[in-house]
Structure formats: C-alpha cells, structure tokens
C-alpha cells in the first residue's frame, strides 16, 4: 500500500476495514475488491476473504491499529462490541468508545483523509418513544440512562467521530437499521433458535413497523459515502440513516424465514404492556436474558427511518432488492445449525 499523505483529492484507493471479519465487514471487503480497491482488514478473528490483507488485532490496541492504518487513505470503522446481554458494560466502553478514539487519533497522526464510522439507529432510541419515518433531525436521547449500554457507547463513538471532522480528516457516520444477512450472529439466529426451542411468541399487537437493512446494502452505502467524502462535501461531519426502504412489523419480517426453514410460526402474542412487565421480571431473575425491556421496546413500538438524506448527499439507493436479500440470506441460513 502506498503511504497516505492526506493531500489526495481523487478517489480513495487503499482501505482499512476494522471489524472486517464480521457480517458487514465481509460485505465491505467484497464490494471494495470488486471496485478494484486495495483492502486491509483488522479484526479479532481472521478474515475469510483472502483478497484482503489480514491483520488479527484489536481496535483497543493502539499499536495494532497504527500498524493496520499504515499506508491507507480511507478507514471504515465497523468494528464494535455488538449488543449482547452477556457482555459486561466495560466491554462497550473499551471497544466502542476508547477503541473509536484510538482510530480517530491514528487517522490524525498518519494524516489519513477519510474516516467512515458505522453507527446504528440505536443512537436515537430512548426506550420510551418510537419513531415513524425518522430522519437525521432526531436528537440524541436527553437522558442516557434510558439507553442500553451498547446504544450509549455507540452514541458516544458517533459524537466523537463527527466532532473530529476537519479539513485534515473528513468524517461521517452511517446508522444502519436492523441489519441482517450472511454472517449474522445476533439478529435472525436468536429468533430462529428461540423458535426451534419452543419460545415462539409475538410481542405487541403486530402493528408496530420496523426498518431493516441487508448487509450488502449497508456496505454499498459505506462505499458510496467514502467515495464522496471530502472536507468540502455535503457528507463531511454528517450522520445518515441507512435502510432498505421496506418497513414492516418485526415478526412479519421473520415469518418468511421461519416458513422456508420449516419452523412453526408464532401462534401467541403478548400485548406491549404485559410484555414489558414480563421483561422487567425476567431482568430481575435473569439479567442476561435476550428478552428484556429494550427488546420489547424495539419490537412493540414503531422504529422506521428514511435514508433520503443519504440519497441526496451521496446517491445511496439499495443495491439489493428485498427479494434478493431474502434469498441470499435464506441460502446462508440453510447452512447453519441452530
């Protein structure tokens, strides 16, 4: 890789993808290589795509991050500690906050001109209010105590990245909706595992709408944003929601996957109030359960967002249709054991 000097005004050519072994990271590497980019990956797990240079390392390790950043002109920071009730709060702080600061500092030290941060819709979710067609004018929750620790840490990371935007380092943040696709470790697998083991119920009355997004579309948005990102571009210092533009109830979204896998559909539903009370009790007895008040909130209230700003500023439209995303994901799910 050639050294990045921060003065290039052309298209980015040499990328570092943090978290490159994950669901989004894999899609990013594939699409960047398709476009003829040179790609390096840093992750705590080895990347499977041999077309990218692979570094096994942790974003919490400043030396490892510096080694990974040498010679690149663009960093896509997708590594994160993803929401998991079994993780201690300190992991979110160390990875999503301290690790992000290390990435920012390294970009500045090495004069890397572009940094795209993978955020999440969770940064505007407060466990109280839903959002229907939300856009980037939505504020951060005023009381962080109403956010789970993952969302709070991602909010802090996003704020740090956007604040770092400058003539020397152009930054932006993309907020994917509920992401799914090959390599998913958390979203669809948890529902499928529960359904196969008899925990097959709907939360809410089925009317709440939720935005999902295929990992290939999220990767596409990151590539487009990186190619447009410059100090004088509309994207510099901005945050963007990224969706498939195909909103539906969470359980309606899951039904075709369950049907195709031969898993019985839920026959029982629990109203929002009762589900919230039940989740509160479960949290007291089993604090690490996946059924908690935040998961109830996410599925029982509207959480839809528009990607119109991303379309306006860097031309994002979903690369994969809903039908294509479903088929690709289903074929991958059929290879998994639950």
Protein backbone atom coordinates (compact mmCIF):
# COMPACT_ATOMS: atom_id res chain seq x y z
CA UNK A 1 0.00 0.00 0.00
CA UNK A 2 1.20 3.47 -0.80
CA UNK A 3 1.50 5.95 2.01
CA UNK A 4 -1.44 8.20 2.70
CA UNK A 5 -0.45 11.85 2.94
CA UNK A 6 -3.88 13.41 3.34
CA UNK A 7 -3.48 15.54 0.21
CA UNK A 8 -5.18 13.32 -2.35
CA UNK A 9 -8.27 14.79 -3.98
CA UNK A 10 -9.01 11.73 -6.15
CA UNK A 11 -10.94 8.57 -5.42
CA UNK A 12 -9.86 6.58 -2.35
CA UNK A 13 -7.88 3.50 -3.31
CA UNK A 14 -6.42 1.94 -0.16
CA UNK A 15 -8.89 1.00 2.57
CA UNK A 16 -8.72 -0.32 6.09
CA UNK A 17 -11.88 -2.06 7.28
CA UNK A 18 -11.98 -2.52 11.04
CA UNK A 19 -14.18 -5.46 12.01
CA UNK A 20 -13.60 -6.88 8.54
CA UNK A 21 -14.38 -10.46 9.57
CA UNK A 22 -17.95 -9.62 10.65
CA UNK A 23 -21.20 -9.63 8.70
CA UNK A 24 -20.83 -6.07 7.42
CA UNK A 25 -17.05 -6.32 7.13
CA UNK A 26 -17.27 -9.27 4.76
CA UNK A 27 -19.70 -7.44 2.51
CA UNK A 28 -17.49 -4.35 2.59
CA UNK A 29 -14.36 -6.25 1.61
CA UNK A 30 -16.18 -7.96 -1.25
CA UNK A 31 -17.60 -4.75 -2.69
CA UNK A 32 -14.36 -2.80 -2.31
CA UNK A 33 -12.35 -5.52 -4.03
CA UNK A 34 -14.96 -5.59 -6.82
CA UNK A 35 -14.24 -1.90 -7.39
CA UNK A 36 -10.52 -2.51 -7.64
CA UNK A 37 -9.62 -1.10 -4.23
CA UNK A 38 -6.74 -2.36 -2.12
CA UNK A 39 -8.17 -3.61 1.16
CA UNK A 40 -6.72 -4.41 4.57
CA UNK A 41 -8.71 -5.84 7.45
CA UNK A 42 -8.19 -5.74 11.20
CA UNK A 43 -10.36 -7.91 13.41
CA UNK A 44 -10.01 -10.11 16.47
CA UNK A 45 -10.91 -13.03 14.18
CA UNK A 46 -9.16 -13.90 10.89
CA UNK A 47 -10.97 -12.58 7.83
CA UNK A 48 -12.21 -15.26 5.46
CA UNK A 49 -11.74 -13.27 2.26
CA UNK A 50 -8.18 -13.90 1.10
CA UNK A 51 -8.35 -10.99 -1.34
CA UNK A 52 -7.76 -8.62 1.56
CA UNK A 53 -4.62 -8.25 3.64
CA UNK A 54 -5.49 -9.65 7.03
CA UNK A 55 -4.33 -8.40 10.43
CA UNK A 56 -5.60 -10.17 13.54
CA UNK A 57 -5.77 -7.42 16.13
CA UNK A 58 -7.98 -5.39 18.42
CA UNK A 59 -9.09 -1.77 17.97
CA UNK A 60 -8.40 -1.32 21.68
CA UNK A 61 -4.70 -1.84 20.91
CA UNK A 62 -3.19 1.42 19.64
CA UNK A 63 -0.11 -0.29 18.23
CA UNK A 64 -2.19 -2.79 16.26
CA UNK A 65 -4.41 -0.01 14.92
CA UNK A 66 -1.40 2.05 13.84
CA UNK A 67 0.09 -0.94 12.04
CA UNK A 68 -3.22 -1.55 10.27
CA UNK A 69 -3.61 2.09 9.25
CA UNK A 70 -0.15 2.50 7.72
CA UNK A 71 -0.43 3.38 4.04
CA UNK A 72 -4.22 3.61 3.70
CA UNK A 73 -6.15 6.65 2.56
CA UNK A 74 -9.57 5.63 3.93
CA UNK A 75 -10.69 3.93 7.14
CA UNK A 76 -14.12 2.34 7.50
CA UNK A 77 -14.54 1.75 11.21
CA UNK A 78 -17.14 -1.02 11.52
CA UNK A 79 -15.62 -2.91 14.46
CA UNK A 80 -17.80 -2.82 17.57
CA UNK A 81 -18.90 -4.72 20.62
CA UNK A 82 -22.45 -5.53 19.50
CA UNK A 83 -25.34 -5.55 21.94
CA UNK A 84 -25.34 -8.79 23.92
CA UNK A 85 -26.83 -9.13 27.42
CA UNK A 86 -23.93 -11.37 28.36
CA UNK A 87 -21.28 -8.70 27.82
CA UNK A 88 -20.17 -6.53 30.76
CA UNK A 89 -20.62 -2.78 30.30
CA UNK A 90 -16.87 -2.25 30.36
CA UNK A 91 -16.50 -4.05 27.00
CA UNK A 92 -18.74 -1.50 25.28
CA UNK A 93 -16.79 1.38 26.81
CA UNK A 94 -13.40 -0.09 25.94
CA UNK A 95 -14.31 -1.08 22.37
CA UNK A 96 -16.95 1.33 21.13
CA UNK A 97 -15.66 4.44 22.89
CA UNK A 98 -11.95 4.01 23.67
CA UNK A 99 -11.35 1.94 20.53
CA UNK A 100 -13.03 4.56 18.38
CA UNK A 101 -10.89 7.29 19.91
CA UNK A 102 -7.79 5.26 19.07
CA UNK A 103 -8.95 5.00 15.44
CA UNK A 104 -9.60 8.76 15.27
CA UNK A 105 -6.25 9.62 16.83
CA UNK A 106 -4.41 7.26 14.48
CA UNK A 107 -6.10 8.74 11.42
CA UNK A 108 -4.98 12.19 12.54
CA UNK A 109 -1.43 11.10 13.34
CA UNK A 110 -0.99 9.37 9.97
CA UNK A 111 -2.85 12.12 8.06
CA UNK A 112 -5.46 9.74 6.68
CA UNK A 113 -8.02 11.98 4.98
CA UNK A 114 -11.24 9.93 5.34
CA UNK A 115 -13.00 8.10 8.16
CA UNK A 116 -16.43 6.49 7.78
CA UNK A 117 -17.96 5.26 11.04
CA UNK A 118 -20.57 2.51 11.33
CA UNK A 119 -23.12 3.76 13.83
CA UNK A 120 -26.65 2.43 14.45
CA UNK A 121 -30.26 3.58 14.65
CA UNK A 122 -30.00 2.79 18.37
CA UNK A 123 -28.27 6.14 18.99
CA UNK A 124 -31.67 7.90 18.86
CA UNK A 125 -33.65 5.26 20.77
CA UNK A 126 -34.54 6.06 24.37
CA UNK A 127 -36.65 3.05 25.44
CA UNK A 128 -39.71 5.32 25.64
CA UNK A 129 -40.57 6.90 22.30
CA UNK A 130 -41.00 5.26 18.92
CA UNK A 131 -40.05 6.81 15.58
CA UNK A 132 -42.08 6.64 12.38
CA UNK A 133 -40.19 7.82 9.31
CA UNK A 134 -37.48 9.37 11.49
CA UNK A 135 -34.78 11.47 9.88
CA UNK A 136 -31.46 12.92 10.97
CA UNK A 137 -33.09 15.87 12.72
CA UNK A 138 -33.94 13.50 15.58
CA UNK A 139 -31.94 14.41 18.69
CA UNK A 140 -29.89 12.07 20.80
CA UNK A 141 -31.84 10.91 23.87
CA UNK A 142 -31.58 13.60 26.55
CA UNK A 143 -31.27 11.03 29.35
CA UNK A 144 -28.58 8.39 28.59
CA UNK A 145 -29.87 6.32 31.50
CA UNK A 146 -32.79 5.34 29.27
CA UNK A 147 -30.42 3.84 26.69
CA UNK A 148 -28.85 0.41 26.97
CA UNK A 149 -25.09 0.44 27.34
CA UNK A 150 -24.46 -0.61 23.74
CA UNK A 151 -26.56 2.24 22.33
CA UNK A 152 -24.98 4.74 24.70
CA UNK A 153 -21.46 3.68 23.74
CA UNK A 154 -22.28 3.89 20.03
CA UNK A 155 -23.77 7.34 20.55
CA UNK A 156 -20.56 8.50 22.22
CA UNK A 157 -18.49 6.97 19.41
CA UNK A 158 -20.60 8.69 16.75
CA UNK A 159 -20.33 12.04 18.51
CA UNK A 160 -16.55 11.69 18.73
CA UNK A 161 -16.21 10.85 15.03
CA UNK A 162 -18.41 13.72 13.87
CA UNK A 163 -16.64 16.17 16.18
CA UNK A 164 -13.31 15.08 14.67
CA UNK A 165 -14.39 16.22 11.19
CA UNK A 166 -11.93 18.83 9.91
CA UNK A 167 -10.12 19.94 6.74
CA UNK A 168 -7.46 17.34 7.53
CA UNK A 169 -9.85 14.47 8.34
CA UNK A 170 -13.27 14.27 6.73
CA UNK A 171 -15.64 12.07 8.74
CA UNK A 172 -19.21 10.84 8.54
CA UNK A 173 -21.36 8.26 10.36
CA UNK A 174 -23.83 5.79 8.87
CA UNK A 175 -26.68 4.47 11.01
CA UNK A 176 -27.90 1.12 9.67
CA UNK A 177 -31.34 -0.08 10.65
CA UNK A 178 -31.78 -3.66 11.91
CA UNK A 179 -29.11 -5.39 9.86
CA UNK A 180 -29.37 -8.95 8.51
CA UNK A 181 -27.61 -11.17 6.02
CA UNK A 182 -24.91 -13.85 5.75
CA UNK A 183 -22.68 -13.88 8.80
CA UNK A 184 -25.39 -12.57 11.13
CA UNK A 185 -24.58 -13.73 14.66
CA UNK A 186 -27.28 -11.93 16.59
CA UNK A 187 -30.37 -10.76 14.71
CA UNK A 188 -32.03 -13.66 12.86
CA UNK A 189 -30.20 -16.53 14.62
CA UNK A 190 -31.55 -15.58 18.07
CA UNK A 191 -35.14 -15.58 16.81
CA UNK A 192 -34.68 -18.87 14.95
CA UNK A 193 -33.01 -20.56 17.93
CA UNK A 194 -35.81 -19.48 20.25
CA UNK A 195 -38.49 -20.59 17.79
CA UNK A 196 -36.88 -24.01 17.36
CA UNK A 197 -36.79 -24.45 21.14
CA UNK A 198 -40.45 -23.58 21.59
CA UNK A 199 -40.09 -19.92 22.57
CA UNK A 200 -42.17 -18.82 19.62
CA UNK A 201 -44.29 -15.83 20.54
CA UNK A 202 -45.03 -12.38 19.11
CA UNK A 203 -44.55 -9.27 21.18
CA UNK A 204 -47.05 -6.46 20.67
CA UNK A 205 -50.21 -6.34 18.56
CA UNK A 206 -48.45 -6.71 15.20
CA UNK A 207 -48.93 -3.12 14.06
CA UNK A 208 -45.52 -1.67 15.00
CA UNK A 209 -43.29 -1.08 11.99
CA UNK A 210 -39.52 -1.58 11.92
CA UNK A 211 -36.80 -0.73 9.40
CA UNK A 212 -34.43 -3.50 8.36
CA UNK A 213 -31.46 -3.36 6.04
CA UNK A 214 -29.48 -6.03 4.21
CA UNK A 215 -25.76 -6.06 5.00
CA UNK A 216 -24.93 -5.76 1.29
CA UNK A 217 -26.90 -2.52 1.12
CA UNK A 218 -25.15 -1.17 4.20
CA UNK A 219 -21.78 -1.99 2.62
CA UNK A 220 -22.89 -0.26 -0.58
CA UNK A 221 -23.78 2.86 1.41
CA UNK A 222 -20.36 2.88 3.09
CA UNK A 223 -18.55 2.59 -0.24
CA UNK A 224 -20.59 5.40 -1.77
CA UNK A 225 -20.08 7.64 1.26
CA UNK A 226 -16.33 7.03 1.28
CA UNK A 227 -16.05 7.95 -2.39
CA UNK A 228 -17.90 11.24 -1.86
CA UNK A 229 -16.30 12.12 1.46
CA UNK A 230 -14.06 15.18 1.40
CA UNK A 231 -13.74 18.29 3.58
CA UNK A 232 -15.96 20.31 1.23
CA UNK A 233 -18.51 17.56 0.55
CA UNK A 234 -22.07 17.56 1.96
CA UNK A 235 -21.26 14.31 3.81
CA UNK A 236 -18.44 15.76 5.93
CA UNK A 237 -19.41 15.83 9.59
CA UNK A 238 -22.84 14.30 8.93
CA UNK A 239 -24.81 11.27 10.13
CA UNK A 240 -27.09 9.18 7.90
CA UNK A 241 -29.76 6.55 8.41
CA UNK A 242 -29.40 3.57 6.06
CA UNK A 243 -32.40 1.33 5.36
CA UNK A 244 -33.80 -0.97 2.67
CA UNK A 245 -36.88 1.24 2.40
CA UNK A 246 -39.01 -1.82 3.11
CA UNK A 247 -40.59 -1.34 6.54
CA UNK A 248 -42.78 -3.97 8.18
CA UNK A 249 -43.59 -5.47 11.54
CA UNK A 250 -40.64 -7.34 13.02
CA UNK A 251 -42.50 -10.64 13.20
CA UNK A 252 -43.94 -10.23 9.70
CA UNK A 253 -40.36 -9.77 8.53
CA UNK A 254 -39.37 -13.03 10.26
CA UNK A 255 -42.28 -15.16 9.04
CA UNK A 256 -40.94 -15.96 5.52
CA UNK A 257 -37.63 -17.13 7.01
CA UNK A 258 -39.37 -19.37 9.56
CA UNK A 259 -41.68 -20.80 6.89
CA UNK A 260 -38.82 -21.53 4.49
CA UNK A 261 -36.88 -23.28 7.28
CA UNK A 262 -39.87 -25.38 8.29
CA UNK A 263 -40.24 -23.74 11.70
CA UNK A 264 -43.80 -23.22 13.04
CA UNK A 265 -44.98 -19.64 13.08
CA UNK A 266 -45.85 -17.96 16.39
CA UNK A 267 -49.43 -18.58 17.48
CA UNK A 268 -49.43 -16.48 20.64
CA UNK A 269 -48.93 -12.75 21.09
CA UNK A 270 -48.33 -10.71 24.23
CA UNK A 271 -49.52 -7.07 24.40
CA UNK A 272 -46.87 -4.39 24.86
CA UNK A 273 -47.76 -3.58 28.48
CA UNK A 274 -47.80 -7.22 29.57
CA UNK A 275 -44.60 -7.97 27.63
CA UNK A 276 -42.85 -5.02 29.25
CA UNK A 277 -43.88 -6.15 32.72
CA UNK A 278 -42.79 -9.70 31.98
CA UNK A 279 -39.42 -8.47 30.66
CA UNK A 280 -38.93 -6.40 33.83
CA UNK A 281 -39.43 -9.52 35.94
CA UNK A 282 -37.13 -11.59 33.73
CA UNK A 283 -34.41 -8.93 34.08
CA UNK A 284 -34.61 -9.31 37.86
CA UNK A 285 -34.33 -13.09 37.74
CA UNK A 286 -32.09 -13.49 34.68
CA UNK A 287 -30.31 -10.22 33.83
CA UNK A 288 -28.53 -11.81 30.84
CA UNK A 289 -31.71 -12.90 29.07
CA UNK A 290 -32.32 -11.78 25.48
CA UNK A 291 -35.88 -11.00 26.48
CA UNK A 292 -35.61 -7.66 28.25
CA UNK A 293 -37.33 -4.30 28.22
CA UNK A 294 -35.15 -2.94 25.43
CA UNK A 295 -36.01 -5.84 23.11
CA UNK A 296 -39.70 -5.39 23.94
CA UNK A 297 -39.43 -1.68 23.22
CA UNK A 298 -37.74 -2.34 19.87
CA UNK A 299 -40.42 -4.75 18.67
CA UNK A 300 -43.58 -3.19 20.11
CA UNK A 301 -43.11 0.45 19.08
CA UNK A 302 -42.56 1.92 15.62
CA UNK A 303 -38.92 2.29 14.62
CA UNK A 304 -38.78 3.32 10.98
CA UNK A 305 -36.36 5.73 9.36
CA UNK A 306 -35.75 7.32 5.98
CA UNK A 307 -32.50 7.23 4.02
CA UNK A 308 -33.48 10.27 1.90
CA UNK A 309 -30.53 12.31 3.19
CA UNK A 310 -28.08 9.58 2.12
CA UNK A 311 -29.71 9.52 -1.32
CA UNK A 312 -29.37 13.29 -1.61
CA UNK A 313 -25.78 13.60 -0.38
CA UNK A 314 -24.06 10.55 -1.87
CA UNK A 315 -26.58 8.78 -4.09
CA UNK A 316 -27.48 5.84 -1.87
CA UNK A 317 -30.28 3.55 -3.00
CA UNK A 318 -30.46 -0.14 -2.01
CA UNK A 319 -28.26 -2.22 -4.29
CA UNK A 320 -30.14 -5.41 -3.43
CA UNK A 321 -33.93 -5.70 -3.58
CA UNK A 322 -35.87 -7.13 -0.66
CA UNK A 323 -36.39 -10.35 -2.63
CA UNK A 324 -32.68 -10.70 -3.45
CA UNK A 325 -31.68 -10.00 0.15
CA UNK A 326 -34.16 -12.62 1.38
CA UNK A 327 -32.91 -15.31 -0.99
CA UNK A 328 -29.23 -14.67 -0.25
CA UNK A 329 -29.85 -14.69 3.50
CA UNK A 330 -32.05 -17.79 3.36
CA UNK A 331 -29.42 -19.77 1.44
CA UNK A 332 -26.89 -18.89 4.12
CA UNK A 333 -29.29 -19.75 6.96
CA UNK A 334 -29.81 -23.21 5.45
CA UNK A 335 -26.11 -23.91 6.01
CA UNK A 336 -26.24 -23.04 9.70
CA UNK A 337 -27.02 -25.16 12.74
CA UNK A 338 -29.37 -23.68 15.32
